[in-house]
PDB file of N, CA and C in Angstrom:
ATOM      1  N   UNK A   1       5.771  26.392  37.897  1.00  0.00           N
ATOM      2  CA  UNK A   1       4.528  27.061  36.345  1.00  0.00           C
ATOM      3  C   UNK A   1       5.906  26.619  35.103  1.00  0.00           C
ATOM      4  N   UNK A   2       7.272  27.796  34.716  1.00  0.00           N
ATOM      5  CA  UNK A   2       8.247  27.841  34.495  1.00  0.00           C
ATOM      6  C   UNK A   2       8.854  27.418  34.084  1.00  0.00           C
ATOM      7  N   UNK A   3       8.960  26.333  35.077  1.00  0.00           N
ATOM      8  CA  UNK A   3      10.576  25.162  34.461  1.00  0.00           C
ATOM      9  C   UNK A   3       9.346  23.653  34.091  1.00  0.00           C
ATOM     10  N   UNK A   4       8.327  23.819  34.243  1.00  0.00           N
ATOM     11  CA  UNK A   4       7.347  22.601  33.422  1.00  0.00           C
ATOM     12  C   UNK A   4       7.899  23.568  31.935  1.00  0.00           C
ATOM     13  N   UNK A   5       7.349  24.490  31.742  1.00  0.00           N
ATOM     14  CA  UNK A   5       6.686  24.733  30.376  1.00  0.00           C
ATOM     15  C   UNK A   5       8.873  25.152  29.943  1.00  0.00           C
ATOM     16  N   UNK A   6       9.312  25.412  30.280  1.00  0.00           N
ATOM     17  CA  UNK A   6      10.788  24.923  30.181  1.00  0.00           C
ATOM     18  C   UNK A   6      11.254  23.859  29.431  1.00  0.00           C
ATOM     19  N   UNK A   7      10.808  22.967  29.990  1.00  0.00           N
ATOM     20  CA  UNK A   7      10.821  21.234  30.400  1.00  0.00           C
ATOM     21  C   UNK A   7      10.230  20.616  28.480  1.00  0.00           C
ATOM     22  N   UNK A   8       9.150  20.845  28.958  1.00  0.00           N
ATOM     23  CA  UNK A   8       8.504  20.748  28.157  1.00  0.00           C
ATOM     24  C   UNK A   8       9.366  21.574  26.568  1.00  0.00           C
ATOM     25  N   UNK A   9       8.990  22.744  26.482  1.00  0.00           N
ATOM     26  CA  UNK A   9      10.029  23.506  25.649  1.00  0.00           C
ATOM     27  C   UNK A   9      11.599  22.901  24.748  1.00  0.00           C
ATOM     28  N   UNK A  10      12.214  22.503  25.699  1.00  0.00           N
ATOM     29  CA  UNK A  10      13.533  21.502  25.870  1.00  0.00           C
ATOM     30  C   UNK A  10      13.486  20.088  24.875  1.00  0.00           C
ATOM     31  N   UNK A  11      12.524  19.489  25.727  1.00  0.00           N
ATOM     32  CA  UNK A  11      12.249  18.305  24.483  1.00  0.00           C
ATOM     33  C   UNK A  11      11.303  18.129  23.710  1.00  0.00           C
ATOM     34  N   UNK A  12      10.585  19.085  23.362  1.00  0.00           N
ATOM     35  CA  UNK A  12       9.923  19.177  22.230  1.00  0.00           C
ATOM     36  C   UNK A  12      11.086  19.732  20.936  1.00  0.00           C
ATOM     37  N   UNK A  13      12.249  20.386  21.731  1.00  0.00           N
ATOM     38  CA  UNK A  13      13.887  20.952  20.303  1.00  0.00           C
ATOM     39  C   UNK A  13      14.552  19.926  20.119  1.00  0.00           C
ATOM     40  N   UNK A  14      14.123  19.073  21.752  1.00  0.00           N
ATOM     41  CA  UNK A  14      15.001  17.651  21.974  1.00  0.00           C
ATOM     42  C   UNK A  14      14.181  16.474  20.398  1.00  0.00           C
ATOM     43  N   UNK A  15      13.667  16.791  20.387  1.00  0.00           N
ATOM     44  CA  UNK A  15      12.627  15.598  19.294  1.00  0.00           C
ATOM     45  C   UNK A  15      12.219  15.858  18.241  1.00  0.00           C
ATOM     46  N   UNK A  16      13.112  17.114  17.800  1.00  0.00           N
ATOM     47  CA  UNK A  16      12.411  17.779  16.367  1.00  0.00           C
ATOM     48  C   UNK A  16      14.447  18.159  16.166  1.00  0.00           C
ATOM     49  N   UNK A  17      15.524  17.749  16.562  1.00  0.00           N
ATOM     50  CA  UNK A  17      16.311  18.149  16.477  1.00  0.00           C
ATOM     51  C   UNK A  17      16.927  16.726  15.954  1.00  0.00           C
ATOM     52  N   UNK A  18      16.279  15.358  16.564  1.00  0.00           N
ATOM     53  CA  UNK A  18      17.258  14.499  16.709  1.00  0.00           C
ATOM     54  C   UNK A  18      16.846  13.412  14.984  1.00  0.00           C
ATOM     55  N   UNK A  19      18.064  13.330  14.871  1.00  0.00           N
ATOM     56  CA  UNK A  19      17.729  12.071  13.353  1.00  0.00           C
ATOM     57  C   UNK A  19      17.339  11.327  13.112  1.00  0.00           C
ATOM     58  N   UNK A  20      16.434  11.549  11.690  1.00  0.00           N
ATOM     59  CA  UNK A  20      15.856  10.668  11.516  1.00  0.00           C
ATOM     60  C   UNK A  20      15.667  10.033  10.503  1.00  0.00           C
ATOM     61  N   UNK A  21      15.828   8.853  10.753  1.00  0.00           N
ATOM     62  CA  UNK A  21      16.474   7.714   9.959  1.00  0.00           C
ATOM     63  C   UNK A  21      14.504   6.518   9.543  1.00  0.00           C
ATOM     64  N   UNK A  22      14.682   6.383   8.177  1.00  0.00           N
ATOM     65  CA  UNK A  22      13.911   5.990   7.201  1.00  0.00           C
ATOM     66  C   UNK A  22      14.384   4.935   7.661  1.00  0.00           C
ATOM     67  N   UNK A  23      12.835   3.816   7.630  1.00  0.00           N
ATOM     68  CA  UNK A  23      13.469   1.904   7.407  1.00  0.00           C
ATOM     69  C   UNK A  23      13.075   1.826   6.273  1.00  0.00           C
ATOM     70  N   UNK A  24      13.954   0.620   5.580  1.00  0.00           N
ATOM     71  CA  UNK A  24      13.963  -0.144   4.384  1.00  0.00           C
ATOM     72  C   UNK A  24      12.105  -0.476   3.678  1.00  0.00           C
ATOM     73  N   UNK A  25      11.539  -0.176   2.401  1.00  0.00           N
ATOM     74  CA  UNK A  25      10.305  -0.728   2.667  1.00  0.00           C
ATOM     75  C   UNK A  25      10.753  -2.188   1.947  1.00  0.00           C
ATOM     76  N   UNK A  26       9.571  -2.843   2.707  1.00  0.00           N
ATOM     77  CA  UNK A  26       9.450  -4.713   1.772  1.00  0.00           C
ATOM     78  C   UNK A  26       9.278  -4.025   0.027  1.00  0.00           C
ATOM     79  N   UNK A  27       9.019  -5.572   0.428  1.00  0.00           N
ATOM     80  CA  UNK A  27       8.454  -6.311  -1.058  1.00  0.00           C
ATOM     81  C   UNK A  27       6.747  -6.492  -1.324  1.00  0.00           C
ATOM     82  N   UNK A  28       6.497  -6.471   0.132  1.00  0.00           N
ATOM     83  CA  UNK A  28       4.750  -6.591  -0.536  1.00  0.00           C
ATOM     84  C   UNK A  28       4.147  -5.858  -0.923  1.00  0.00           C
ATOM     85  N   UNK A  29       2.921  -6.511  -1.942  1.00  0.00           N
ATOM     86  CA  UNK A  29       1.894  -5.309  -2.354  1.00  0.00           C
ATOM     87  C   UNK A  29       0.604  -6.269  -1.873  1.00  0.00           C
ATOM     88  N   UNK A  30       0.518  -5.479  -1.143  1.00  0.00           N
ATOM     89  CA  UNK A  30      -1.442  -5.682  -0.765  1.00  0.00           C
ATOM     90  C   UNK A  30      -2.258  -5.444  -1.745  1.00  0.00           C
ATOM     91  N   UNK A  31      -3.508  -6.081  -2.544  1.00  0.00           N
ATOM     92  CA  UNK A  31      -4.654  -5.582  -3.250  1.00  0.00           C
ATOM     93  C   UNK A  31      -5.653  -6.382  -2.786  1.00  0.00           C
ATOM     94  N   UNK A  32      -6.846  -6.073  -2.870  1.00  0.00           N
ATOM     95  CA  UNK A  32      -8.053  -6.805  -3.327  1.00  0.00           C
ATOM     96  C   UNK A  32      -8.723  -6.275  -3.974  1.00  0.00           C
ATOM     97  N   UNK A  33      -9.859  -7.522  -4.814  1.00  0.00           N
ATOM     98  CA  UNK A  33     -10.599  -6.856  -6.315  1.00  0.00           C
ATOM     99  C   UNK A  33     -11.807  -8.121  -6.005  1.00  0.00           C
ATOM    100  N   UNK A  34     -12.563  -7.154  -7.437  1.00  0.00           N
ATOM    101  CA  UNK A  34     -13.690  -8.748  -7.401  1.00  0.00           C
ATOM    102  C   UNK A  34     -13.451  -9.224  -8.947  1.00  0.00           C
ATOM    103  N   UNK A  35     -13.659 -10.136  -9.043  1.00  0.00           N
ATOM    104  CA  UNK A  35     -13.054 -11.051 -10.433  1.00  0.00           C
ATOM    105  C   UNK A  35     -14.618 -11.063 -11.224  1.00  0.00           C
ATOM    106  N   UNK A  36     -15.290 -10.759 -11.865  1.00  0.00           N
ATOM    107  CA  UNK A  36     -16.875 -11.514 -12.180  1.00  0.00           C
ATOM    108  C   UNK A  36     -16.668 -12.012 -13.852  1.00  0.00           C
ATOM    109  N   UNK A  37     -17.071 -13.402 -15.051  1.00  0.00           N
ATOM    110  CA  UNK A  37     -17.161 -13.244 -15.493  1.00  0.00           C
ATOM    111  C   UNK A  37     -18.742 -13.399 -16.248  1.00  0.00           C
ATOM    112  N   UNK A  38     -18.974 -12.875 -17.191  1.00  0.00           N
ATOM    113  CA  UNK A  38     -20.946 -13.034 -16.904  1.00  0.00           C
ATOM    114  C   UNK A  38     -22.004 -12.275 -15.817  1.00  0.00           C
ATOM    115  N   UNK A  39     -20.659 -11.281 -15.131  1.00  0.00           N
ATOM    116  CA  UNK A  39     -21.515 -11.225 -14.059  1.00  0.00           C
ATOM    117  C   UNK A  39     -21.841 -11.818 -13.009  1.00  0.00           C
ATOM    118  N   UNK A  40     -21.075 -13.267 -12.876  1.00  0.00           N
ATOM    119  CA  UNK A  40     -20.849 -14.259 -11.686  1.00  0.00           C
ATOM    120  C   UNK A  40     -19.819 -14.271 -11.195  1.00  0.00           C
ATOM    121  N   UNK A  41     -19.437 -14.869  -9.764  1.00  0.00           N
ATOM    122  CA  UNK A  41     -18.248 -14.158  -9.762  1.00  0.00           C
ATOM    123  C   UNK A  41     -17.074 -15.283 -10.193  1.00  0.00           C
ATOM    124  N   UNK A  42     -16.064 -14.937 -10.739  1.00  0.00           N
ATOM    125  CA  UNK A  42     -15.392 -15.469 -11.497  1.00  0.00           C
ATOM    126  C   UNK A  42     -14.239 -16.742 -10.682  1.00  0.00           C
ATOM    127  N   UNK A  43     -14.317 -17.712 -10.605  1.00  0.00           N
ATOM    128  CA  UNK A  43     -13.389 -18.657  -9.248  1.00  0.00           C
ATOM    129  C   UNK A  43     -12.767 -19.690 -10.685  1.00  0.00           C
ATOM    130  N   UNK A  44     -11.596 -19.496 -10.854  1.00  0.00           N
ATOM    131  CA  UNK A  44     -10.934 -20.293 -11.896  1.00  0.00           C
ATOM    132  C   UNK A  44      -9.191 -19.749 -11.605  1.00  0.00           C
ATOM    133  N   UNK A  45      -8.257 -20.362 -12.421  1.00  0.00           N
ATOM    134  CA  UNK A  45      -6.974 -19.770 -12.646  1.00  0.00           C
ATOM    135  C   UNK A  45      -6.817 -19.151 -13.674  1.00  0.00           C
ATOM    136  N   UNK A  46      -6.732 -18.612 -13.637  1.00  0.00           N
ATOM    137  CA  UNK A  46      -6.411 -17.200 -14.854  1.00  0.00           C
ATOM    138  C   UNK A  46      -5.080 -16.491 -14.461  1.00  0.00           C
ATOM    139  N   UNK A  47      -5.243 -15.444 -15.847  1.00  0.00           N
ATOM    140  CA  UNK A  47      -3.343 -14.465 -15.865  1.00  0.00           C
ATOM    141  C   UNK A  47      -3.879 -13.693 -15.250  1.00  0.00           C
ATOM    142  N   UNK A  48      -3.494 -12.321 -14.221  1.00  0.00           N
ATOM    143  CA  UNK A  48      -3.557 -11.242 -14.139  1.00  0.00           C
ATOM    144  C   UNK A  48      -2.071 -10.089 -14.709  1.00  0.00           C
ATOM    145  N   UNK A  49      -3.175  -8.888 -15.231  1.00  0.00           N
ATOM    146  CA  UNK A  49      -1.952  -8.113 -15.664  1.00  0.00           C
ATOM    147  C   UNK A  49      -2.930  -7.235 -14.983  1.00  0.00           C
ATOM    148  N   UNK A  50      -1.240  -6.360 -14.052  1.00  0.00           N
ATOM    149  CA  UNK A  50      -1.677  -5.127 -13.636  1.00  0.00           C
ATOM    150  C   UNK A  50      -0.776  -4.454 -13.919  1.00  0.00           C
ATOM    151  N   UNK A  51      -1.055  -2.745 -13.645  1.00  0.00           N
ATOM    152  CA  UNK A  51      -0.922  -1.092 -13.005  1.00  0.00           C
ATOM    153  C   UNK A  51      -1.203  -0.695 -12.268  1.00  0.00           C
ATOM    154  N   UNK A  52       0.191  -0.065 -11.956  1.00  0.00           N
ATOM    155  CA  UNK A  52      -0.797   1.414 -10.692  1.00  0.00           C
ATOM    156  C   UNK A  52      -0.048   2.305 -11.840  1.00  0.00           C
ATOM    157  N   UNK A  53      -1.223   2.539 -10.978  1.00  0.00           N
ATOM    158  CA  UNK A  53      -1.422   4.012 -12.038  1.00  0.00           C
ATOM    159  C   UNK A  53      -1.530   5.467 -10.527  1.00  0.00           C
ATOM    160  N   UNK A  54      -0.945   6.367 -10.657  1.00  0.00           N
ATOM    161  CA  UNK A  54      -0.585   8.029  -9.740  1.00  0.00           C
ATOM    162  C   UNK A  54      -1.757   8.248  -8.947  1.00  0.00           C
ATOM    163  N   UNK A  55      -3.178   8.045  -9.522  1.00  0.00           N
ATOM    164  CA  UNK A  55      -4.616   8.233  -9.371  1.00  0.00           C
ATOM    165  C   UNK A  55      -5.862   7.627  -8.679  1.00  0.00           C
ATOM    166  N   UNK A  56      -6.056   7.897  -7.994  1.00  0.00           N
ATOM    167  CA  UNK A  56      -6.637   6.450  -7.435  1.00  0.00           C
ATOM    168  C   UNK A  56      -7.777   5.965  -8.642  1.00  0.00           C
ATOM    169  N   UNK A  57      -8.140   7.623  -9.459  1.00  0.00           N
ATOM    170  CA  UNK A  57      -8.800   7.421 -10.975  1.00  0.00           C
ATOM    171  C   UNK A  57      -7.992   8.177 -11.770  1.00  0.00           C
ATOM    172  N   UNK A  58      -6.969   7.007 -12.251  1.00  0.00           N
ATOM    173  CA  UNK A  58      -6.188   7.432 -13.631  1.00  0.00           C
ATOM    174  C   UNK A  58      -4.814   8.123 -13.448  1.00  0.00           C
ATOM    175  N   UNK A  59      -4.972   8.651 -14.635  1.00  0.00           N
ATOM    176  CA  UNK A  59      -3.292   9.687 -14.794  1.00  0.00           C
ATOM    177  C   UNK A  59      -2.281   8.995 -15.110  1.00  0.00           C
ATOM    178  N   UNK A  60      -1.249   9.299 -14.657  1.00  0.00           N
ATOM    179  CA  UNK A  60      -0.167   8.558 -15.614  1.00  0.00           C
ATOM    180  C   UNK A  60       0.647   6.904 -15.223  1.00  0.00           C
ATOM    181  N   UNK A  61       0.447   6.137 -15.206  1.00  0.00           N
ATOM    182  CA  UNK A  61       0.902   5.066 -15.791  1.00  0.00           C
ATOM    183  C   UNK A  61       2.961   4.910 -14.941  1.00  0.00           C
ATOM    184  N   UNK A  62       2.613   4.788 -13.657  1.00  0.00           N
ATOM    185  CA  UNK A  62       3.948   4.622 -12.547  1.00  0.00           C
ATOM    186  C   UNK A  62       4.552   3.884 -12.371  1.00  0.00           C
ATOM    187  N   UNK A  63       3.507   2.462 -12.977  1.00  0.00           N
ATOM    188  CA  UNK A  63       4.916   1.017 -12.837  1.00  0.00           C
ATOM    189  C   UNK A  63       3.627  -0.252 -13.613  1.00  0.00           C
ATOM    190  N   UNK A  64       4.363  -1.151 -14.068  1.00  0.00           N
ATOM    191  CA  UNK A  64       3.039  -2.386 -14.918  1.00  0.00           C
ATOM    192  C   UNK A  64       3.404  -2.044 -16.220  1.00  0.00           C
ATOM    193  N   UNK A  65       3.011  -2.860 -17.515  1.00  0.00           N
ATOM    194  CA  UNK A  65       1.986  -3.408 -16.888  1.00  0.00           C
ATOM    195  C   UNK A  65       3.180  -4.881 -16.595  1.00  0.00           C
ATOM    196  N   UNK A  66       1.915  -5.570 -15.498  1.00  0.00           N
ATOM    197  CA  UNK A  66       2.625  -6.838 -15.002  1.00  0.00           C
ATOM    198  C   UNK A  66       1.512  -8.092 -14.655  1.00  0.00           C
ATOM    199  N   UNK A  67       2.364  -9.347 -15.149  1.00  0.00           N
ATOM    200  CA  UNK A  67       1.874 -10.025 -15.830  1.00  0.00           C
ATOM    201  C   UNK A  67       1.587 -11.336 -15.323  1.00  0.00           C
ATOM    202  N   UNK A  68       0.976 -11.687 -14.104  1.00  0.00           N
ATOM    203  CA  UNK A  68       0.761 -12.872 -13.318  1.00  0.00           C
ATOM    204  C   UNK A  68       0.478 -14.047 -13.910  1.00  0.00           C
ATOM    205  N   UNK A  69       1.354 -15.647 -14.264  1.00  0.00           N
ATOM    206  CA  UNK A  69       0.209 -16.377 -14.595  1.00  0.00           C
ATOM    207  C   UNK A  69      -0.144 -17.421 -13.794  1.00  0.00           C
ATOM    208  N   UNK A  70      -0.723 -17.867 -14.116  1.00  0.00           N
ATOM    209  CA  UNK A  70      -1.769 -18.820 -13.288  1.00  0.00           C
ATOM    210  C   UNK A  70      -1.895 -18.440 -11.712  1.00  0.00           C
ATOM    211  N   UNK A  71      -2.452 -18.050 -11.968  1.00  0.00           N
ATOM    212  CA  UNK A  71      -3.953 -17.201 -10.560  1.00  0.00           C
ATOM    213  C   UNK A  71      -4.272 -17.435 -10.734  1.00  0.00           C
ATOM    214  N   UNK A  72      -4.735 -18.306  -8.549  1.00  0.00           N
ATOM    215  CA  UNK A  72      -5.923 -19.545  -8.463  1.00  0.00           C
ATOM    216  C   UNK A  72      -6.217 -18.142  -7.840  1.00  0.00           C
ATOM    217  N   UNK A  73      -7.361 -17.674  -7.844  1.00  0.00           N
ATOM    218  CA  UNK A  73      -9.247 -16.167  -7.769  1.00  0.00           C
ATOM    219  C   UNK A  73      -9.818 -17.451  -7.132  1.00  0.00           C
ATOM    220  N   UNK A  74     -10.555 -17.488  -6.031  1.00  0.00           N
ATOM    221  CA  UNK A  74     -11.303 -17.653  -5.649  1.00  0.00           C
ATOM    222  C   UNK A  74     -12.392 -17.089  -4.608  1.00  0.00           C
ATOM    223  N   UNK A  75     -13.565 -17.399  -4.945  1.00  0.00           N
ATOM    224  CA  UNK A  75     -14.923 -16.742  -3.592  1.00  0.00           C
ATOM    225  C   UNK A  75     -14.374 -16.399  -1.744  1.00  0.00           C
ATOM    226  N   UNK A  76     -12.509 -16.327  -2.095  1.00  0.00           N
ATOM    227  CA  UNK A  76     -12.009 -17.063  -0.302  1.00  0.00           C
ATOM    228  C   UNK A  76     -11.986 -15.491  -0.168  1.00  0.00           C
ATOM    229  N   UNK A  77     -11.511 -14.556   0.698  1.00  0.00           N
ATOM    230  CA  UNK A  77     -11.442 -13.553   1.493  1.00  0.00           C
ATOM    231  C   UNK A  77      -9.533 -14.388   2.707  1.00  0.00           C
ATOM    232  N   UNK A  78      -9.084 -13.638   1.822  1.00  0.00           N
ATOM    233  CA  UNK A  78      -7.747 -13.807   2.603  1.00  0.00           C
ATOM    234  C   UNK A  78      -6.668 -12.867   2.510  1.00  0.00           C
ATOM    235  N   UNK A  79      -5.761 -12.890   4.072  1.00  0.00           N
ATOM    236  CA  UNK A  79      -4.786 -11.869   4.063  1.00  0.00           C
ATOM    237  C   UNK A  79      -3.372 -11.958   4.123  1.00  0.00           C
TER     238      UNK A  79
END
């Protein structure tokens, strides 16, 4: 029983002391939303302005504004 506990402890310590390397982040940014005009879903070519905030309910802006021109908006969901 002691050898099993010792082996687990050695394995745990080896895992903790192993160097950690972070993978580089990509540039993909996924988002979803709904665009309405006069209470109806908007299906058109439009301009989207985006700003990234530090909190879901506002706070300080940490990125943007970023403008994307000629964005096709449809009622189709895709990933």
